[in-house]
Amino acid sequence: MLYSIGAANKTVPPVSRELYTPFHSSTYRQPANSWLNSYPNPYERFVKTAATGIVDFLASTQKVQTTANGLLNKSTSSLQAREALSSDNKAVSASARNEASIGSYKIKTQSIAQSQINSGTELNKGSQTAIQSGENRFKLTIGGKSTTISSHIAATDTNEQALTKLKNAINEAKTGITANVVNDSETGKSKLVLSSDKTGTDQAFDVTDESGNAAASSGIASVTSAATNAIYTVNGGAAQTSQSNAIELEKGKVSATLLKPTTSEEIEITVRPDGKKALEQVGALISGYNAMRDRLKEASGYMSPTVARSLGDAVSSASYERIGIRQNADGTLKLDEAAFTKSLNANFEQTSKTISGIGGLARSLDKATDRFNDVSASSLLNKQMHTMQQYATYQSTMQSYLPFPTTGLLVNGFM
């Protein structure tokens, strides 16, 4: 075959020296009114549509993988979340941390821990105080530590004014004892009340005058209610004591607060999976998978059918159906919340393995979507579709006719 380069029968503008061809790398600077603009690329729309579909699909696979990893990571997996239920919240309240063992505890409370209270003498608040005028000093001793408190009382102070000065001096010292002035509007009387900030016998305190008579005259040196420890049993075991009403079970993974004595009955604390959190996270994984299937369906005309098969294989397991995850006819998944919650509470270990164990839903989807992180978009195209075959033929044919660059010449015929 011979090529001829001759004059055209009509005036033909020369081909731009920087005309881009699909077969040779060069910069495209085709003039706006060029005659070549009337010949659009017949595959431009196909390429753009295919590219958009594949990009959207790949974005959806990344979202699914992120959600799956959330279930596989112990620190973020809702399958590790727990909730604690009490048979009587007014007697014992409870909470559980992640990874606490599934089970129950029976608690009987003999007594609860209390703070010490020194309730002072009731005094007519408007009367002139009997507390010695001038500098009054008294000592507070709590937890083996003593602190001297000073307060200046004026000769003209009323009882309410004097008690308020004592209260302020005690609270400013921050010894672990809090003071309050209690006023009775009906009787017109006031009293100063001291209480330890924490419960338990370790927080018992003493009040003694050093100079003046503030403690004795106000009555705050007398103990009204002694500090006590909590006494309780767990699962019928030996009696235990606690300085606080907050007790720890399973090395702190489960916490309970004793609210009142329950000597006549045992309060049951049940630790179980947090079904609400598990439903939310597993539901997000299934919603993400279904969205990925939708993106795949939108791009199905351009993508290799092996992609759909690989995703279908990742969620095809009878074990998923046993915990309430069913596959619809179109390949999407449906979560039966009631069945899933029932399975979670009745057989937590098996349900957890079905989601995050080897061969579980989250692990299978993580593996299935991970393969798309390193593949080229072109490798996902369906090369068997008619348009792709036409494109390949077109490209091959034109390359055989144009084995050299067409810069600066007009090829208008061949023999």
Protein backbone atom coordinates (compact mmCIF):
# COMPACT_ATOMS: atom_id res chain seq x y z
CA MET A 1 0.00 0.00 0.00
CA LEU A 2 1.36 3.44 -1.00
CA TYR A 3 0.41 6.73 0.56
CA SER A 4 0.13 9.86 -1.59
CA ILE A 5 0.36 13.40 -0.43
CA GLY A 6 -1.20 15.69 -2.96
CA ALA A 7 -3.22 18.86 -3.38
CA ALA A 8 -6.84 18.67 -2.34
CA ASN A 9 -9.63 19.65 -4.76
CA LYS A 10 -10.55 22.46 -2.33
CA THR A 11 -8.66 24.66 -0.02
CA VAL A 12 -7.97 22.67 3.10
CA PRO A 13 -6.33 24.23 6.16
CA PRO A 14 -3.17 22.47 7.27
CA VAL A 15 -3.26 20.20 10.28
CA SER A 16 -2.02 22.00 13.40
CA ARG A 17 1.51 21.15 14.37
CA GLU A 18 0.26 20.42 17.89
CA LEU A 19 -2.80 18.39 16.96
CA TYR A 20 -3.41 15.64 19.48
CA THR A 21 -3.99 12.13 18.16
CA PRO A 22 -5.30 9.30 20.37
CA PHE A 23 -2.28 7.23 19.45
CA HIS A 24 0.61 9.59 20.06
CA SER A 25 1.32 11.70 23.14
CA SER A 26 1.20 15.41 22.35
CA THR A 27 -0.43 18.64 23.55
CA TYR A 28 -3.89 19.41 22.22
CA ARG A 29 -4.30 22.98 20.96
CA GLN A 30 -6.84 22.57 18.18
CA PRO A 31 -8.23 25.94 16.96
CA ALA A 32 -11.81 26.63 17.98
CA ASN A 33 -13.13 26.76 14.39
CA SER A 34 -11.10 23.82 13.11
CA TRP A 35 -12.80 21.48 10.68
CA LEU A 36 -11.73 18.59 12.95
CA ASN A 37 -14.12 19.76 15.69
CA SER A 38 -17.04 18.45 13.65
CA TYR A 39 -15.80 14.89 14.22
CA PRO A 40 -16.46 14.03 17.92
CA ASN A 41 -14.83 10.99 19.50
CA PRO A 42 -17.52 8.27 19.26
CA TYR A 43 -16.29 6.69 22.52
CA GLU A 44 -15.91 9.85 24.62
CA ARG A 45 -19.33 9.45 26.24
CA PHE A 46 -18.71 5.77 26.88
CA VAL A 47 -15.37 6.48 28.58
CA LYS A 48 -16.78 9.26 30.78
CA THR A 49 -19.80 7.23 31.88
CA ALA A 50 -17.71 4.15 32.61
CA ALA A 51 -15.15 6.17 34.54
CA THR A 52 -17.83 7.87 36.67
CA GLY A 53 -19.50 4.55 37.47
CA ILE A 54 -16.24 2.88 38.48
CA VAL A 55 -15.13 5.83 40.63
CA ASP A 56 -18.47 5.84 42.49
CA PHE A 57 -18.25 2.10 43.02
CA LEU A 58 -14.70 2.27 44.36
CA ALA A 59 -15.71 5.05 46.77
CA SER A 60 -18.51 2.84 48.12
CA THR A 61 -16.09 -0.08 48.67
CA GLN A 62 -13.89 2.15 50.82
CA LYS A 63 -16.88 3.08 53.02
CA VAL A 64 -17.78 -0.59 53.47
CA GLN A 65 -14.21 -1.47 54.39
CA THR A 66 -14.06 1.35 56.96
CA THR A 67 -17.27 0.13 58.62
CA ALA A 68 -16.08 -3.49 58.55
CA ASN A 69 -12.78 -2.50 60.19
CA GLY A 70 -14.75 -0.74 62.91
CA LEU A 71 -16.37 -4.06 63.81
CA LEU A 72 -13.07 -5.94 63.64
CA ASN A 73 -11.20 -3.54 65.92
CA LYS A 74 -11.89 -4.31 69.59
CA SER A 75 -11.55 -0.69 70.65
CA THR A 76 -14.30 0.44 68.24
CA SER A 77 -16.44 -2.68 67.86
CA SER A 78 -19.97 -2.39 69.26
CA LEU A 79 -19.85 -6.15 69.84
CA GLN A 80 -17.58 -5.38 72.78
CA ALA A 81 -20.04 -2.86 74.27
CA ARG A 82 -22.00 -3.94 77.34
CA GLU A 83 -24.99 -2.80 79.36
CA ALA A 84 -25.87 -3.71 82.94
CA LEU A 85 -29.46 -4.12 84.13
CA SER A 86 -30.59 -4.16 87.76
CA SER A 87 -33.66 -5.96 89.03
CA ASP A 88 -34.20 -2.96 91.35
CA ASN A 89 -32.58 0.32 90.33
CA LYS A 90 -33.68 1.97 93.58
CA ALA A 91 -31.64 -0.51 95.61
CA VAL A 92 -28.59 -1.15 93.37
CA SER A 93 -27.66 0.58 90.12
CA ALA A 94 -25.01 -0.79 87.78
CA SER A 95 -22.95 -0.14 84.66
CA ALA A 96 -20.54 -2.21 82.56
CA ARG A 97 -17.47 -1.37 80.50
CA ASN A 98 -16.54 -2.79 77.11
CA GLU A 99 -15.47 -6.44 77.11
CA ALA A 100 -17.10 -7.20 80.46
CA SER A 101 -18.08 -10.86 80.74
CA ILE A 102 -21.64 -11.75 79.87
CA GLY A 103 -23.39 -13.00 83.01
CA SER A 104 -25.14 -11.97 86.23
CA TYR A 105 -24.40 -11.10 89.85
CA LYS A 106 -26.63 -11.33 92.93
CA ILE A 107 -25.97 -8.62 95.51
CA LYS A 108 -27.33 -8.35 99.04
CA THR A 109 -26.65 -5.11 100.93
CA GLN A 110 -26.53 -5.24 104.73
CA SER A 111 -25.71 -1.54 105.16
CA ILE A 112 -24.61 1.33 102.98
CA ALA A 113 -21.62 3.60 103.52
CA GLN A 114 -22.38 7.01 105.04
CA SER A 115 -20.58 10.27 105.71
CA GLN A 116 -20.18 11.61 109.24
CA ILE A 117 -22.54 14.45 110.11
CA ASN A 118 -22.17 16.92 112.98
CA SER A 119 -25.38 18.90 113.25
CA GLY A 120 -24.92 21.94 115.51
CA THR A 121 -27.24 23.48 118.06
CA GLU A 122 -30.32 25.33 116.83
CA LEU A 123 -29.97 29.02 117.70
CA ASN A 124 -32.28 32.00 117.26
CA LYS A 125 -30.77 33.49 114.14
CA GLY A 126 -31.54 37.10 115.02
CA SER A 127 -30.25 36.94 118.58
CA GLN A 128 -26.79 38.17 119.59
CA THR A 129 -24.34 35.28 119.37
CA ALA A 130 -22.93 33.60 122.46
CA ILE A 131 -19.74 32.73 120.60
CA GLN A 132 -16.81 34.55 122.17
CA SER A 133 -15.96 37.79 120.36
CA GLY A 134 -12.53 38.14 118.83
CA GLU A 135 -10.36 35.47 117.19
CA ASN A 136 -11.75 31.94 117.56
CA ARG A 137 -9.54 29.00 116.63
CA PHE A 138 -10.59 25.35 116.42
CA LYS A 139 -9.01 22.21 114.97
CA LEU A 140 -10.51 19.86 112.37
CA THR A 141 -8.96 16.38 112.18
CA ILE A 142 -9.90 14.04 109.33
CA GLY A 143 -8.03 11.12 107.79
CA GLY A 144 -5.16 11.57 110.24
CA LYS A 145 -4.58 15.19 109.18
CA SER A 146 -5.33 18.20 111.43
CA THR A 147 -6.06 21.75 110.25
CA THR A 148 -6.56 24.83 112.46
CA ILE A 149 -9.47 27.06 111.44
CA SER A 150 -9.62 30.74 112.50
CA SER A 151 -12.60 33.09 112.43
CA HIS A 152 -13.10 36.58 113.88
CA ILE A 153 -16.43 37.08 115.61
CA ALA A 154 -17.68 40.58 116.42
CA ALA A 155 -19.46 41.33 119.69
CA THR A 156 -22.46 42.64 117.75
CA ASP A 157 -22.82 39.58 115.44
CA THR A 158 -26.11 37.71 115.47
CA ASN A 159 -26.11 33.93 115.58
CA GLU A 160 -26.77 33.76 111.85
CA GLN A 161 -23.87 36.11 111.11
CA ALA A 162 -21.47 34.25 113.41
CA LEU A 163 -22.43 30.83 112.00
CA THR A 164 -21.97 32.15 108.47
CA LYS A 165 -18.43 33.31 109.34
CA LEU A 166 -17.60 29.87 110.72
CA LYS A 167 -19.05 28.18 107.65
CA ASN A 168 -16.96 30.31 105.29
CA ALA A 169 -13.75 29.68 107.24
CA ILE A 170 -14.30 25.90 107.20
CA ASN A 171 -15.12 25.70 103.50
CA GLU A 172 -12.18 27.89 102.49
CA ALA A 173 -9.80 25.47 104.24
CA LYS A 174 -10.86 22.60 101.93
CA THR A 175 -10.17 19.87 104.48
CA GLY A 176 -12.66 17.36 103.08
CA ILE A 177 -15.39 18.66 105.39
CA THR A 178 -18.21 20.85 104.11
CA ALA A 179 -20.16 23.28 106.31
CA ASN A 180 -23.67 24.64 105.71
CA VAL A 181 -25.93 27.01 107.63
CA VAL A 182 -29.46 25.61 107.81
CA ASN A 183 -32.21 28.14 108.47
CA ASP A 184 -35.73 27.24 109.54
CA SER A 185 -38.10 29.93 108.34
CA GLU A 186 -40.95 28.67 110.54
CA THR A 187 -39.06 28.65 113.85
CA GLY A 188 -36.61 31.42 112.97
CA LYS A 189 -33.68 29.29 114.05
CA SER A 190 -30.29 28.56 112.47
CA LYS A 191 -27.72 25.81 112.92
CA LEU A 192 -24.31 24.95 111.49
CA VAL A 193 -24.03 21.46 109.93
CA LEU A 194 -20.70 19.77 109.09
CA SER A 195 -20.37 16.65 106.93
CA SER A 196 -17.44 14.73 105.48
CA ASP A 197 -17.22 14.91 101.68
CA LYS A 198 -16.67 11.15 101.37
CA THR A 199 -18.28 8.15 102.99
CA GLY A 200 -16.64 5.51 105.16
CA THR A 201 -14.96 5.28 108.52
CA ASP A 202 -11.69 6.58 107.09
CA GLN A 203 -13.44 9.92 106.70
CA ALA A 204 -14.53 10.28 110.34
CA PHE A 205 -13.54 13.66 111.81
CA ASP A 206 -13.14 15.50 115.14
CA VAL A 207 -13.72 19.19 116.00
CA THR A 208 -11.99 20.72 119.06
CA ASP A 209 -11.60 24.31 120.24
CA GLU A 210 -8.06 25.70 120.54
CA SER A 211 -8.94 29.28 121.56
CA GLY A 212 -12.41 30.74 122.03
CA ASN A 213 -15.58 28.63 122.14
CA ALA A 214 -16.78 28.52 118.53
CA ALA A 215 -17.02 24.69 118.33
CA ALA A 216 -18.63 24.21 121.72
CA SER A 217 -21.02 27.16 121.50
CA SER A 218 -22.22 26.29 117.98
CA GLY A 219 -22.55 22.59 118.84
CA ILE A 220 -20.47 21.38 115.89
CA ALA A 221 -18.15 19.30 118.09
CA SER A 222 -20.86 16.67 118.68
CA VAL A 223 -21.31 13.75 116.25
CA THR A 224 -24.90 13.42 115.03
CA SER A 225 -24.38 10.56 112.58
CA ALA A 226 -21.19 8.50 112.58
CA ALA A 227 -19.36 7.52 109.39
CA THR A 228 -20.02 3.93 108.34
CA ASN A 229 -18.79 1.46 105.71
CA ALA A 230 -20.93 -0.50 103.27
CA ILE A 231 -21.36 -4.20 104.03
CA TYR A 232 -22.58 -6.51 101.25
CA THR A 233 -22.33 -9.97 99.68
CA VAL A 234 -21.97 -11.07 96.05
CA ASN A 235 -23.47 -14.35 94.82
CA GLY A 236 -23.91 -15.59 98.38
CA GLY A 237 -20.23 -15.24 99.28
CA ALA A 238 -18.59 -13.88 102.42
CA ALA A 239 -19.52 -10.39 103.63
CA GLN A 240 -17.38 -7.61 102.20
CA THR A 241 -16.87 -4.03 103.36
CA SER A 242 -16.31 -0.87 101.35
CA GLN A 243 -15.56 2.72 102.29
CA SER A 244 -17.76 3.72 99.35
CA ASN A 245 -21.14 2.60 98.07
CA ALA A 246 -19.58 2.25 94.62
CA ILE A 247 -18.24 -1.30 94.37
CA GLU A 248 -16.32 -3.04 91.59
CA LEU A 249 -16.97 -6.45 90.07
CA GLU A 250 -14.81 -8.36 87.58
CA LYS A 251 -11.80 -6.15 88.39
CA GLY A 252 -13.68 -2.97 87.63
CA LYS A 253 -15.28 -4.00 84.34
CA VAL A 254 -18.64 -3.95 86.11
CA SER A 255 -19.54 -1.25 88.67
CA ALA A 256 -22.47 -1.22 91.08
CA THR A 257 -23.73 1.46 93.45
CA LEU A 258 -25.42 0.39 96.68
CA LEU A 259 -28.36 2.71 97.35
CA LYS A 260 -30.14 1.13 100.30
CA PRO A 261 -30.00 -1.99 102.52
CA THR A 262 -31.55 -5.11 100.98
CA THR A 263 -31.10 -7.68 103.71
CA SER A 264 -34.29 -9.51 102.84
CA GLU A 265 -33.56 -10.04 99.13
CA GLU A 266 -30.82 -10.28 96.54
CA ILE A 267 -30.67 -7.77 93.72
CA GLU A 268 -29.67 -9.31 90.38
CA ILE A 269 -27.32 -7.43 88.05
CA THR A 270 -27.37 -8.77 84.49
CA VAL A 271 -24.52 -7.92 82.11
CA ARG A 272 -25.33 -8.38 78.45
CA PRO A 273 -24.28 -7.08 75.00
CA ASP A 274 -25.40 -3.55 74.20
CA GLY A 275 -27.93 -4.52 71.57
CA LYS A 276 -28.69 -0.95 70.50
CA LYS A 277 -25.07 -0.17 69.67
CA ALA A 278 -24.56 -3.53 67.94
CA LEU A 279 -27.67 -3.04 65.80
CA GLU A 280 -26.50 0.42 64.80
CA GLN A 281 -23.02 -0.65 63.69
CA VAL A 282 -24.03 -3.91 61.99
CA GLY A 283 -26.92 -2.05 60.35
CA ALA A 284 -24.43 0.52 59.01
CA LEU A 285 -22.33 -2.29 57.49
CA ILE A 286 -25.35 -3.77 55.75
CA SER A 287 -26.54 -0.36 54.52
CA GLY A 288 -23.06 0.31 53.17
CA TYR A 289 -23.00 -3.06 51.41
CA ASN A 290 -26.40 -2.40 49.82
CA ALA A 291 -25.23 1.04 48.65
CA MET A 292 -22.16 -0.62 47.13
CA ARG A 293 -24.44 -3.07 45.30
CA ASP A 294 -26.44 -0.11 43.97
CA ARG A 295 -23.29 1.55 42.65
CA LEU A 296 -22.30 -1.76 41.07
CA LYS A 297 -25.72 -2.07 39.44
CA GLU A 298 -25.45 1.44 38.00
CA ALA A 299 -22.07 0.56 36.48
CA SER A 300 -22.93 -3.05 35.63
CA GLY A 301 -22.91 -2.37 31.89
CA TYR A 302 -19.28 -1.36 32.07
CA MET A 303 -17.83 -3.51 34.83
CA SER A 304 -16.63 -7.07 34.75
CA PRO A 305 -19.24 -9.59 36.00
CA THR A 306 -16.57 -11.14 38.20
CA VAL A 307 -16.88 -8.13 40.52
CA ALA A 308 -20.52 -8.89 41.30
CA ARG A 309 -19.73 -12.57 41.79
CA SER A 310 -16.92 -11.86 44.25
CA LEU A 311 -19.13 -9.59 46.34
CA GLY A 312 -21.96 -12.10 46.28
CA ASP A 313 -19.63 -14.84 47.50
CA ALA A 314 -18.54 -12.65 50.44
CA VAL A 315 -22.07 -12.51 51.88
CA SER A 316 -23.27 -15.95 50.90
CA SER A 317 -23.41 -18.01 54.09
CA ALA A 318 -26.16 -19.86 55.89
CA SER A 319 -24.67 -18.79 59.21
CA TYR A 320 -25.59 -15.18 58.47
CA GLU A 321 -29.25 -16.13 58.14
CA ARG A 322 -29.19 -17.83 61.52
CA ILE A 323 -28.45 -14.51 63.22
CA GLY A 324 -31.00 -12.51 61.25
CA ILE A 325 -29.03 -11.33 58.19
CA ARG A 326 -30.78 -12.46 55.02
CA GLN A 327 -29.93 -12.05 51.34
CA ASN A 328 -32.58 -10.61 49.02
CA ALA A 329 -33.19 -11.80 45.47
CA ASP A 330 -31.32 -8.79 44.04
CA GLY A 331 -28.21 -9.59 46.08
CA THR A 332 -28.73 -6.92 48.76
CA LEU A 333 -28.92 -7.79 52.45
CA LYS A 334 -31.68 -7.29 55.03
CA LEU A 335 -31.19 -7.13 58.80
CA ASP A 336 -33.94 -8.64 60.93
CA GLU A 337 -33.40 -6.57 64.06
CA ALA A 338 -35.54 -8.72 66.35
CA ALA A 339 -33.85 -11.95 65.24
CA PHE A 340 -30.38 -10.39 65.51
CA THR A 341 -31.02 -9.06 69.03
CA LYS A 342 -32.41 -12.43 70.13
CA SER A 343 -29.35 -14.21 68.76
CA LEU A 344 -27.02 -11.67 70.38
CA ASN A 345 -28.50 -12.23 73.85
CA ALA A 346 -29.08 -15.99 73.57
CA ASN A 347 -25.76 -16.96 71.97
CA PHE A 348 -23.39 -14.02 72.07
CA GLU A 349 -20.18 -15.91 71.26
CA GLN A 350 -21.56 -17.51 68.12
CA THR A 351 -23.21 -14.30 66.96
CA SER A 352 -20.02 -12.33 67.51
CA LYS A 353 -17.96 -14.88 65.54
CA THR A 354 -20.49 -14.79 62.70
CA ILE A 355 -19.92 -11.05 62.40
CA SER A 356 -16.24 -10.53 63.22
CA GLY A 357 -14.66 -13.98 63.42
CA ILE A 358 -12.82 -15.84 60.69
CA GLY A 359 -15.24 -16.16 57.79
CA GLY A 360 -17.57 -13.67 59.47
CA LEU A 361 -19.48 -10.99 57.58
CA ALA A 362 -17.25 -8.06 58.55
CA ARG A 363 -14.02 -9.98 57.85
CA SER A 364 -15.33 -11.29 54.50
CA LEU A 365 -16.37 -7.81 53.37
CA ASP A 366 -13.08 -6.35 54.52
CA LYS A 367 -11.23 -8.92 52.41
CA ALA A 368 -13.57 -8.53 49.43
CA THR A 369 -13.28 -4.74 49.34
CA ASP A 370 -9.56 -4.62 50.12
CA ARG A 371 -8.74 -6.06 46.69
CA PHE A 372 -10.11 -2.91 45.06
CA ASN A 373 -7.56 -0.69 46.78
CA ASP A 374 -4.72 -1.72 44.48
CA VAL A 375 -6.41 -2.49 41.16
CA SER A 376 -6.52 -0.18 38.17
CA ALA A 377 -9.91 1.09 37.03
CA SER A 378 -9.34 -0.37 33.56
CA SER A 379 -8.99 -3.86 35.01
CA LEU A 380 -12.59 -3.64 36.25
CA LEU A 381 -14.01 -2.97 32.79
CA ASN A 382 -16.08 -5.64 31.09
CA LYS A 383 -13.95 -6.38 28.06
CA GLN A 384 -16.57 -8.72 26.62
CA MET A 385 -19.19 -6.02 26.08
CA HIS A 386 -19.82 -4.97 22.48
CA THR A 387 -18.71 -1.35 22.92
CA MET A 388 -15.38 -2.40 24.40
CA GLN A 389 -14.77 -4.79 21.51
CA GLN A 390 -15.59 -2.05 19.00
CA TYR A 391 -13.23 0.32 20.78
CA ALA A 392 -10.41 -2.24 20.70
CA THR A 393 -10.98 -2.90 16.97
CA TYR A 394 -11.17 0.81 16.20
CA GLN A 395 -7.96 1.50 18.07
CA SER A 396 -6.10 -1.40 16.45
CA THR A 397 -7.24 -0.46 12.91
CA MET A 398 -6.37 3.20 13.18
CA GLN A 399 -2.96 2.44 14.59
CA SER A 400 -2.19 0.30 11.52
CA TYR A 401 -3.21 3.11 9.16
CA LEU A 402 -1.38 5.82 11.05
CA PRO A 403 1.99 4.42 12.07
CA PHE A 404 3.57 7.90 12.03
CA PRO A 405 2.69 11.29 13.52
CA THR A 406 0.47 13.53 11.37
CA THR A 407 2.03 16.80 12.39
CA GLY A 408 2.17 19.52 9.72
CA LEU A 409 0.81 17.34 6.86
CA LEU A 410 -2.60 16.55 5.50
CA VAL A 411 -2.93 12.95 4.43
CA ASN A 412 -5.80 13.01 1.97
CA GLY A 413 -5.47 9.82 0.08
CA PHE A 414 -3.76 6.47 -0.31
CA MET A 415 -3.29 3.89 -3.06
